[in-house]
Amino acid sequence: MKILYVTDQLYQHGGIEKILAQKINHWLTDYNYEVVLCTSEQRNNEFVYPVNAKLKHIDLGINYARNQSYFHPKNLIKSFFHFKALKKHIKSEQPDFIISVNFTPEQYFLPYIEKQIPKIKEFHSSGVTLKKPEGIMEKLKFQLFLLLGRYKAQVVLSADEKKYYPFQHLYVIPNFIELHNVAKSLPGEKTIIAAGRIASVKQFDHLIKAWSQIATDFPDWEVKIFGDGDDKLLTQLKQLILELEVPNIHLAGPSAYLEKEMQKASIYAMTSATECFPMVLLEAQVCGLPIISYDCPNGPRNIITHNQDGWLTSHNEIGIFAQRLAELIKNESKRKDMGIAAKFNVIRFTSEKVMEQWNQLLINIQTK
């Protein structure tokens, strides 16, 4: 079997990039399938995560102007060349399946290329942001969104997400985590860790504000936030820390060794506005970290078992989050019990179980 993945890039740190690299490796090694990765803007960068050498990689060099709307004339022209280049390579490769991973313009025109080849659309962000269109531009975007119904199948990451999509062929397949023995000393260092893109949806300002409410009560504890992204927002977060005079909180930048940082920490914190199925929570559980997270739509509640391996707190209630954080800091025994439960509960999301769901989906589509 031959699978062609279509995405924008595989050089930036992120959950989508990591799970894609892992899927590629499992298809190549465990299933002995051929895999082709077609990117639109790799920009001559190395892959950010290890990828099996048997992968065939094609970069189209479209390089959209990301500081402009995809409806900007410059990007509309690039979309035309993207269509032509993608059509050429798909016709040449003749894969058995094409899987669209990201959210760049090709997701809309891909169903119209080599129509006989089954195509699958993956959704990696929460559909909660979808809303009734108002205004000409929003209505146009919604009509484009409806084109995604032309895929042979659409895959969402949790049952909660299905309700947001008006498509007939929806399947639920979660992300997975690679399980391995992680040496973790208990108790860990007095560190609270958070990680993700520096983007407004991650609401790291909420974590900063929550910590500002309790930091003086725990002078020997610290908060580390790992990630890069929006430079303007990063500057705003630094300014917020200065304005609130928050001690012992660090914007630590990206890390290629996040797992090691998690192994040393004692608590994982998440204050996102929305999350689809955050890989970082699975990674935290593998490392035996108890998690405190907003009960935001919809990912955390599909991973965290409340009161067992972590706590889900009222969405966007900074004060309640701070109270829970203080409570867990004070209770070393609770942290230990939750960490043990986390390592047990994450077994639900092993690569073997999830990849077999993917393989079965391909077989079912192929035999219809």
Protein backbone atom coordinates (compact mmCIF):
# COMPACT_ATOMS: atom_id res chain seq x y z
CA MET A 1 0.00 0.00 0.00
CA LYS A 2 1.18 3.52 -0.78
CA ILE A 3 0.16 6.54 1.31
CA LEU A 4 0.78 10.15 0.34
CA TYR A 5 0.64 12.73 3.12
CA VAL A 6 0.02 16.38 2.27
CA THR A 7 1.00 19.12 4.72
CA ASP A 8 2.77 22.46 4.86
CA GLN A 9 6.01 21.62 6.67
CA LEU A 10 7.77 19.29 9.07
CA TYR A 11 10.44 21.57 10.51
CA GLN A 12 8.61 23.43 13.30
CA HIS A 13 8.12 22.03 16.79
CA GLY A 14 4.46 21.11 17.34
CA GLY A 15 2.00 18.35 18.11
CA ILE A 16 0.83 17.97 14.50
CA GLU A 17 4.38 17.69 13.26
CA LYS A 18 5.35 15.17 15.92
CA ILE A 19 2.39 12.84 15.44
CA LEU A 20 2.81 12.98 11.65
CA ALA A 21 6.47 11.98 11.90
CA GLN A 22 5.56 9.10 14.20
CA LYS A 23 2.77 7.86 11.92
CA ILE A 24 5.12 7.92 8.94
CA ASN A 25 7.66 5.85 10.86
CA HIS A 26 5.08 3.26 11.92
CA TRP A 27 3.70 2.88 8.39
CA LEU A 28 7.21 2.33 7.05
CA THR A 29 8.51 -0.02 9.74
CA ASP A 30 5.50 -1.85 11.22
CA TYR A 31 3.33 -2.13 8.10
CA ASN A 32 5.98 -1.94 5.38
CA TYR A 33 3.85 0.54 3.41
CA GLU A 34 5.32 3.07 1.02
CA VAL A 35 4.97 6.65 2.26
CA VAL A 36 5.41 9.89 0.35
CA LEU A 37 5.37 13.25 2.15
CA CYS A 38 4.45 16.24 0.01
CA THR A 39 5.09 19.60 1.71
CA SER A 40 4.36 23.07 0.40
CA GLU A 41 6.93 25.07 2.37
CA GLN A 42 9.71 23.07 3.97
CA ARG A 43 12.12 25.90 2.99
CA ASN A 44 15.16 23.59 2.87
CA ASN A 45 14.92 22.89 6.61
CA GLU A 46 15.73 19.57 8.24
CA PHE A 47 12.85 17.57 9.70
CA VAL A 48 12.30 18.59 13.31
CA TYR A 49 11.57 15.01 14.43
CA PRO A 50 13.32 11.77 13.39
CA VAL A 51 11.88 10.25 10.22
CA ASN A 52 12.73 6.88 8.68
CA ALA A 53 15.12 7.16 5.73
CA LYS A 54 12.70 5.16 3.54
CA LEU A 55 10.34 8.16 3.41
CA LYS A 56 10.15 9.87 0.03
CA HIS A 57 9.90 13.63 0.49
CA ILE A 58 8.74 16.13 -2.12
CA ASP A 59 8.71 19.84 -1.34
CA LEU A 60 6.74 22.01 -3.75
CA GLY A 61 8.34 25.27 -2.61
CA ILE A 62 5.06 27.21 -2.66
CA ASN A 63 5.96 29.24 0.45
CA TYR A 64 2.74 31.11 1.16
CA ALA A 65 3.02 34.62 2.58
CA ARG A 66 1.95 33.75 6.13
CA ASN A 67 1.69 37.41 7.13
CA GLN A 68 -1.12 37.80 4.59
CA SER A 69 -4.57 36.25 4.28
CA TYR A 70 -4.82 33.24 2.01
CA PHE A 71 -7.29 35.40 0.05
CA HIS A 72 -4.59 38.00 -0.63
CA PRO A 73 -3.83 38.18 -4.39
CA LYS A 74 -0.25 37.05 -3.78
CA ASN A 75 -1.44 33.88 -2.03
CA LEU A 76 -4.25 33.24 -4.50
CA ILE A 77 -1.64 33.15 -7.26
CA LYS A 78 0.47 30.78 -5.16
CA SER A 79 -2.62 28.58 -4.69
CA PHE A 80 -2.93 28.20 -8.46
CA PHE A 81 0.68 27.03 -8.76
CA HIS A 82 0.17 24.83 -5.70
CA PHE A 83 -2.75 23.10 -7.41
CA LYS A 84 -0.74 22.47 -10.59
CA ALA A 85 2.34 21.17 -8.76
CA LEU A 86 0.34 18.92 -6.45
CA LYS A 87 -1.66 17.52 -9.35
CA LYS A 88 1.55 16.71 -11.23
CA HIS A 89 3.12 14.79 -8.35
CA ILE A 90 -0.05 12.94 -7.36
CA LYS A 91 -0.50 11.82 -10.96
CA SER A 92 3.10 10.62 -10.98
CA GLU A 93 3.01 8.85 -7.60
CA GLN A 94 -0.46 7.25 -7.92
CA PRO A 95 -0.84 6.50 -4.20
CA ASP A 96 -3.57 4.27 -2.81
CA PHE A 97 -4.55 6.96 -0.29
CA ILE A 98 -3.95 10.66 0.19
CA ILE A 99 -4.17 12.12 3.70
CA SER A 100 -4.44 15.87 4.27
CA VAL A 101 -2.95 16.91 7.60
CA ASN A 102 -2.82 20.67 7.88
CA PHE A 103 -4.95 23.72 7.12
CA THR A 104 -3.31 25.35 4.10
CA PRO A 105 -5.30 25.98 0.88
CA GLU A 106 -4.66 22.57 -0.71
CA GLN A 107 -7.15 21.00 1.70
CA TYR A 108 -9.92 22.61 -0.35
CA PHE A 109 -8.83 21.64 -3.86
CA LEU A 110 -7.26 18.26 -3.06
CA PRO A 111 -10.57 16.32 -3.50
CA TYR A 112 -10.67 17.50 -7.13
CA ILE A 113 -7.27 16.02 -8.04
CA GLU A 114 -7.25 12.41 -9.31
CA LYS A 115 -10.76 11.88 -7.96
CA GLN A 116 -10.48 8.08 -8.09
CA ILE A 117 -7.88 8.10 -5.28
CA PRO A 118 -9.53 8.01 -1.79
CA LYS A 119 -8.65 11.02 0.32
CA ILE A 120 -8.83 11.46 4.10
CA LYS A 121 -8.92 14.75 5.98
CA GLU A 122 -7.43 14.94 9.49
CA PHE A 123 -8.66 17.65 11.88
CA HIS A 124 -6.12 18.68 14.51
CA SER A 125 -7.80 21.75 15.98
CA SER A 126 -11.04 21.99 17.89
CA GLY A 127 -14.19 22.54 15.86
CA VAL A 128 -15.59 24.62 18.72
CA THR A 129 -14.25 27.69 16.92
CA LEU A 130 -16.61 27.03 14.01
CA LYS A 131 -19.60 29.34 14.17
CA LYS A 132 -22.55 30.47 12.11
CA PRO A 133 -21.11 32.65 9.35
CA GLU A 134 -21.95 36.33 9.34
CA GLY A 135 -20.79 38.68 6.63
CA ILE A 136 -19.67 37.96 3.08
CA MET A 137 -16.13 36.85 3.95
CA GLU A 138 -17.22 34.46 6.70
CA LYS A 139 -19.88 32.96 4.46
CA LEU A 140 -17.29 32.42 1.74
CA LYS A 141 -14.97 30.70 4.22
CA PHE A 142 -17.84 28.51 5.40
CA GLN A 143 -18.57 27.42 1.83
CA LEU A 144 -14.91 26.46 1.48
CA PHE A 145 -15.14 24.54 4.74
CA LEU A 146 -18.09 22.55 3.37
CA LEU A 147 -15.82 21.37 0.54
CA LEU A 148 -14.05 19.22 3.12
CA GLY A 149 -17.13 17.02 3.07
CA ARG A 150 -15.93 15.74 -0.31
CA TYR A 151 -13.19 13.68 1.32
CA LYS A 152 -13.82 9.95 1.54
CA ALA A 153 -13.42 10.21 5.32
CA GLN A 154 -12.81 12.87 7.93
CA VAL A 155 -10.93 11.97 11.11
CA VAL A 156 -11.37 13.86 14.38
CA LEU A 157 -9.49 13.22 17.60
CA SER A 158 -12.36 12.71 20.06
CA ALA A 159 -16.07 11.93 20.15
CA ASP A 160 -16.71 15.44 21.47
CA GLU A 161 -15.38 16.89 18.23
CA LYS A 162 -17.82 15.02 15.98
CA LYS A 163 -20.70 17.35 16.85
CA TYR A 164 -19.00 20.33 15.20
CA TYR A 165 -18.71 18.84 11.71
CA PRO A 166 -21.67 18.43 9.31
CA PHE A 167 -20.08 15.51 7.44
CA GLN A 168 -21.39 11.97 6.88
CA HIS A 169 -18.14 10.01 7.05
CA LEU A 170 -16.63 11.07 10.37
CA TYR A 171 -14.32 8.76 12.31
CA VAL A 172 -12.74 9.17 15.74
CA ILE A 173 -9.07 8.19 16.01
CA PRO A 174 -7.04 9.82 18.81
CA ASN A 175 -3.40 10.77 18.81
CA PHE A 176 -1.00 8.28 20.33
CA ILE A 177 2.10 8.30 22.46
CA GLU A 178 5.21 6.14 22.28
CA LEU A 179 5.48 4.31 25.60
CA HIS A 180 8.86 3.64 27.12
CA ASN A 181 10.37 3.41 30.54
CA VAL A 182 10.93 6.88 31.94
CA ALA A 183 13.16 7.24 34.96
CA LYS A 184 11.52 9.81 37.22
CA SER A 185 12.67 10.63 40.71
CA LEU A 186 9.85 11.19 43.18
CA PRO A 187 9.37 13.78 44.38
CA GLY A 188 10.52 15.81 41.37
CA GLU A 189 12.01 19.27 41.43
CA LYS A 190 9.73 22.01 42.69
CA THR A 191 8.82 22.99 39.15
CA ILE A 192 5.53 23.54 37.35
CA ILE A 193 5.87 23.12 33.61
CA ALA A 194 3.81 24.24 30.61
CA ALA A 195 4.60 23.99 26.91
CA GLY A 196 3.16 24.94 23.55
CA ARG A 197 3.19 27.52 20.79
CA ILE A 198 3.35 31.11 21.95
CA ALA A 199 -0.12 31.84 20.59
CA SER A 200 -3.19 33.53 22.02
CA VAL A 201 -5.16 30.25 22.10
CA LYS A 202 -2.68 28.83 24.65
CA GLN A 203 -3.51 31.62 27.14
CA PHE A 204 -0.16 31.52 28.92
CA ASP A 205 -1.15 34.91 30.35
CA HIS A 206 -3.73 33.03 32.46
CA LEU A 207 -0.99 30.82 33.90
CA ILE A 208 1.15 33.87 34.67
CA LYS A 209 -1.79 35.56 36.43
CA ALA A 210 -2.66 32.39 38.36
CA TRP A 211 0.92 31.99 39.54
CA SER A 212 1.05 35.67 40.54
CA GLN A 213 -1.76 34.97 43.04
CA ILE A 214 0.13 32.23 44.91
CA ALA A 215 3.84 32.61 44.07
CA THR A 216 4.80 34.35 47.31
CA ASP A 217 3.34 31.42 49.28
CA PHE A 218 5.77 29.03 47.56
CA PRO A 219 9.10 30.87 47.20
CA ASP A 220 11.02 27.66 46.53
CA TRP A 221 8.80 26.71 43.55
CA GLU A 222 9.09 27.93 39.96
CA VAL A 223 7.12 27.90 36.70
CA LYS A 224 8.73 27.17 33.32
CA ILE A 225 6.88 27.84 30.06
CA PHE A 226 8.48 26.21 26.99
CA GLY A 227 7.70 27.19 23.40
CA ASP A 228 8.18 29.73 20.66
CA GLY A 229 5.90 31.44 18.16
CA ASP A 230 4.39 34.93 18.07
CA ASP A 231 7.19 37.37 18.94
CA LYS A 232 4.74 40.20 19.67
CA LEU A 233 2.80 38.02 22.10
CA LEU A 234 6.03 36.83 23.71
CA THR A 235 6.94 40.45 24.39
CA GLN A 236 3.50 41.02 25.93
CA LEU A 237 3.93 37.99 28.21
CA LYS A 238 7.33 39.27 29.37
CA GLN A 239 5.77 42.67 30.06
CA LEU A 240 2.94 41.04 32.04
CA ILE A 241 5.46 39.24 34.24
CA LEU A 242 7.19 42.57 34.94
CA GLU A 243 3.93 44.43 35.58
CA LEU A 244 2.66 41.82 38.04
CA GLU A 245 6.13 41.45 39.56
CA VAL A 246 5.76 37.67 39.36
CA PRO A 247 8.73 35.83 40.88
CA ASN A 248 10.16 32.52 39.71
CA ILE A 249 8.47 32.25 36.32
CA HIS A 250 10.50 31.72 33.17
CA LEU A 251 9.67 31.92 29.47
CA ALA A 252 12.19 29.24 28.59
CA GLY A 253 11.85 29.16 24.78
CA PRO A 254 11.63 25.94 22.74
CA SER A 255 13.35 22.79 23.93
CA ALA A 256 14.42 19.71 22.03
CA TYR A 257 14.58 17.95 25.41
CA LEU A 258 11.07 18.62 26.73
CA GLU A 259 10.73 15.06 28.01
CA LYS A 260 13.79 15.52 30.22
CA GLU A 261 12.30 18.75 31.56
CA MET A 262 9.07 16.90 32.33
CA GLN A 263 10.95 14.11 34.10
CA LYS A 264 12.44 16.68 36.46
CA ALA A 265 9.18 18.59 37.11
CA SER A 266 6.37 17.94 39.61
CA ILE A 267 3.23 19.38 37.95
CA TYR A 268 2.04 20.06 34.40
CA ALA A 269 -0.26 23.09 33.89
CA MET A 270 -2.54 23.96 30.94
CA THR A 271 -4.67 27.10 30.63
CA SER A 272 -5.65 26.97 26.94
CA ALA A 273 -8.79 28.51 25.46
CA THR A 274 -9.33 25.40 23.32
CA GLU A 275 -7.43 22.17 22.72
CA CYS A 276 -8.29 19.39 20.32
CA PHE A 277 -6.21 16.47 21.62
CA PRO A 278 -2.98 17.88 23.03
CA MET A 279 0.00 15.60 22.57
CA VAL A 280 1.78 17.43 25.35
CA LEU A 281 -0.67 16.03 27.92
CA LEU A 282 0.09 12.47 26.80
CA GLU A 283 3.80 13.26 27.06
CA ALA A 284 3.28 14.60 30.57
CA GLN A 285 1.42 11.46 31.60
CA VAL A 286 4.15 9.19 30.26
CA CYS A 287 6.54 11.11 32.52
CA GLY A 288 4.25 10.53 35.49
CA LEU A 289 3.23 14.17 35.90
CA PRO A 290 -0.07 15.09 37.54
CA ILE A 291 -1.91 17.63 35.39
CA ILE A 292 -4.00 20.66 36.25
CA SER A 293 -5.88 21.92 33.20
CA TYR A 294 -8.77 24.14 32.29
CA ASP A 295 -11.73 22.02 31.23
CA CYS A 296 -11.60 23.71 27.84
CA PRO A 297 -13.21 22.29 24.71
CA ASN A 298 -12.47 19.50 24.28
CA GLY A 299 -9.14 17.74 24.46
CA PRO A 300 -8.15 17.71 28.14
CA ARG A 301 -11.29 15.93 29.35
CA ASN A 302 -10.62 13.14 26.84
CA ILE A 303 -7.16 12.56 28.33
CA ILE A 304 -7.32 13.53 32.00
CA THR A 305 -9.38 11.40 34.38
CA HIS A 306 -10.55 14.03 36.88
CA ASN A 307 -9.51 13.41 40.48
CA GLN A 308 -7.47 10.39 39.41
CA ASP A 309 -4.49 11.52 37.32
CA GLY A 310 -5.16 15.25 37.42
CA TRP A 311 -7.70 18.00 37.94
CA LEU A 312 -9.93 19.73 35.41
CA THR A 313 -10.83 23.23 36.57
CA SER A 314 -13.56 25.61 35.45
CA HIS A 315 -12.73 27.08 32.07
CA ASN A 316 -11.08 30.52 32.21
CA GLU A 317 -11.46 30.78 36.00
CA ILE A 318 -7.97 31.95 36.90
CA GLY A 319 -8.65 32.14 40.64
CA ILE A 320 -9.93 28.56 40.83
CA PHE A 321 -6.94 27.37 38.80
CA ALA A 322 -4.59 29.12 41.23
CA GLN A 323 -6.33 27.49 44.20
CA ARG A 324 -6.00 24.02 42.70
CA LEU A 325 -2.37 24.64 41.87
CA ALA A 326 -1.65 25.68 45.45
CA GLU A 327 -3.51 22.64 46.75
CA LEU A 328 -1.43 20.25 44.66
CA ILE A 329 1.83 21.98 45.55
CA LYS A 330 1.04 21.44 49.23
CA ASN A 331 0.12 17.77 48.81
CA GLU A 332 3.14 15.69 47.81
CA SER A 333 1.27 12.43 48.42
CA LYS A 334 -1.51 13.49 46.03
CA ARG A 335 1.04 14.41 43.37
CA LYS A 336 2.66 10.99 43.69
CA ASP A 337 -0.65 9.10 43.46
CA MET A 338 -1.79 11.14 40.44
CA GLY A 339 1.54 10.61 38.71
CA ILE A 340 1.29 6.83 39.13
CA ALA A 341 -2.28 6.88 37.78
CA ALA A 342 -1.19 9.03 34.82
CA LYS A 343 1.41 6.47 33.71
CA PHE A 344 -1.22 3.73 33.91
CA ASN A 345 -4.04 5.63 32.18
CA VAL A 346 -1.96 6.77 29.21
CA ILE A 347 -1.69 3.13 28.08
CA ARG A 348 -5.06 3.72 26.35
CA PHE A 349 -3.22 5.73 23.72
CA THR A 350 -0.37 3.43 22.67
CA SER A 351 0.87 3.59 19.09
CA GLU A 352 -0.02 -0.07 18.51
CA LYS A 353 -3.69 0.47 19.36
CA VAL A 354 -4.11 3.73 17.47
CA MET A 355 -2.16 2.77 14.34
CA GLU A 356 -4.29 -0.34 14.00
CA GLN A 357 -7.38 1.89 14.01
CA TRP A 358 -5.83 3.84 11.14
CA ASN A 359 -4.93 0.68 9.27
CA GLN A 360 -8.45 -0.68 9.67
CA LEU A 361 -9.89 2.57 8.33
CA LEU A 362 -7.75 2.30 5.19
CA ILE A 363 -8.74 -1.35 4.69
CA ASN A 364 -12.44 -0.54 5.13
CA ILE A 365 -12.28 2.28 2.59
CA GLN A 366 -10.31 0.15 0.15
CA THR A 367 -12.78 -2.74 0.29
CA LYS A 368 -15.94 -0.65 -0.11
